[in-house]
Amino acid sequence: MVTIPRQSDVIFLYWKKNPLQPNSPKRIFKFTIIGEVRPCTHQIFNGAKLKPVLKCLLNNGFKIQFEQSTGVNGYIVLERN
């Protein structure tokens, strides 16, 4: 029997924070999902705080593949096989 390997789940999270308030939380302002992000689907939306979303994704098999930040904005690429 031949099986087709399952495609990885990938999510790109683009975030920003208020530069006038140094302690403001990082918030998602754009995201792209390829595949599935269950059980975190309901937590990911524009304006959501980044920290709880990352915690959910990392606790459910996602691993950070790439991350870049300027301090007030950035992006993170996560993948789950």
Protein backbone atom coordinates (compact mmCIF):
# COMPACT_ATOMS: atom_id res chain seq x y z
CA MET A 1 0.00 0.00 0.00
CA VAL A 2 1.28 3.45 -0.94
CA THR A 3 0.57 6.35 1.37
CA ILE A 4 0.90 10.02 0.59
CA PRO A 5 2.72 11.92 3.32
CA ARG A 6 0.66 14.51 5.17
CA GLN A 7 1.44 18.13 4.35
CA SER A 8 2.89 20.16 7.20
CA ASP A 9 0.74 22.79 8.90
CA VAL A 10 2.30 26.25 8.65
CA ILE A 11 1.29 29.60 10.10
CA PHE A 12 2.79 33.04 9.48
CA LEU A 13 2.05 35.51 12.27
CA TYR A 14 2.71 39.20 11.65
CA TRP A 15 2.59 41.28 14.83
CA LYS A 16 3.03 44.85 16.00
CA LYS A 17 2.88 46.79 19.23
CA ASN A 18 2.26 50.41 20.13
CA PRO A 19 5.64 52.20 19.92
CA LEU A 20 4.38 54.98 22.21
CA GLN A 21 3.66 52.51 25.03
CA PRO A 22 6.77 50.39 25.69
CA ASN A 23 4.86 47.86 27.82
CA SER A 24 2.04 47.36 25.33
CA PRO A 25 1.44 43.75 24.28
CA LYS A 26 2.37 42.41 20.86
CA ARG A 27 -0.80 41.94 18.82
CA ILE A 28 -1.44 40.01 15.63
CA PHE A 29 -2.28 42.31 12.75
CA LYS A 30 -2.11 39.77 9.92
CA PHE A 31 -1.75 36.02 9.62
CA THR A 32 -1.70 33.29 7.00
CA ILE A 33 -2.56 29.67 7.71
CA ILE A 34 -1.59 26.78 5.45
CA GLY A 35 -3.23 23.58 6.64
CA GLU A 36 -4.77 23.35 10.11
CA VAL A 37 -4.11 25.10 13.43
CA ARG A 38 -6.55 23.15 15.60
CA PRO A 39 -7.17 23.45 18.51
CA CYS A 40 -5.94 27.08 18.39
CA THR A 41 -8.23 28.25 15.56
CA HIS A 42 -10.55 30.31 17.78
CA GLN A 43 -7.61 32.22 19.35
CA ILE A 44 -6.08 33.48 16.10
CA PHE A 45 -7.60 36.72 14.79
CA ASN A 46 -6.46 40.24 13.95
CA GLY A 47 -5.95 42.13 17.20
CA ALA A 48 -5.36 39.01 19.33
CA LYS A 49 -2.50 39.13 21.83
CA LEU A 50 0.48 37.22 20.45
CA LYS A 51 1.64 35.55 23.68
CA PRO A 52 -1.41 33.30 24.31
CA VAL A 53 -1.60 32.37 20.62
CA LEU A 54 2.06 31.32 20.60
CA LYS A 55 1.58 29.34 23.80
CA CYS A 56 -1.35 27.43 22.29
CA LEU A 57 0.50 26.69 19.05
CA LEU A 58 3.70 25.56 20.80
CA ASN A 59 1.72 23.37 23.22
CA ASN A 60 0.04 21.68 20.24
CA GLY A 61 3.04 20.56 18.24
CA PHE A 62 4.09 23.68 16.36
CA LYS A 63 7.74 24.69 16.34
CA ILE A 64 9.15 28.13 15.52
CA GLN A 65 11.02 27.90 12.22
CA PHE A 66 11.90 31.57 11.78
CA GLU A 67 11.44 34.78 13.70
CA GLN A 68 12.37 38.39 12.95
CA SER A 69 11.64 41.55 14.90
CA THR A 70 12.39 45.27 14.82
CA GLY A 71 11.12 45.74 18.37
CA VAL A 72 7.77 47.27 17.43
CA ASN A 73 6.80 44.78 14.73
CA GLY A 74 7.88 41.45 13.34
CA TYR A 75 6.83 38.05 12.17
CA ILE A 76 7.06 34.43 13.22
CA VAL A 77 6.81 31.32 11.07
CA LEU A 78 5.69 28.13 12.83
CA GLU A 79 5.36 24.60 11.44
CA ARG A 80 3.81 21.34 12.63
CA ASN A 81 4.55 18.07 10.84
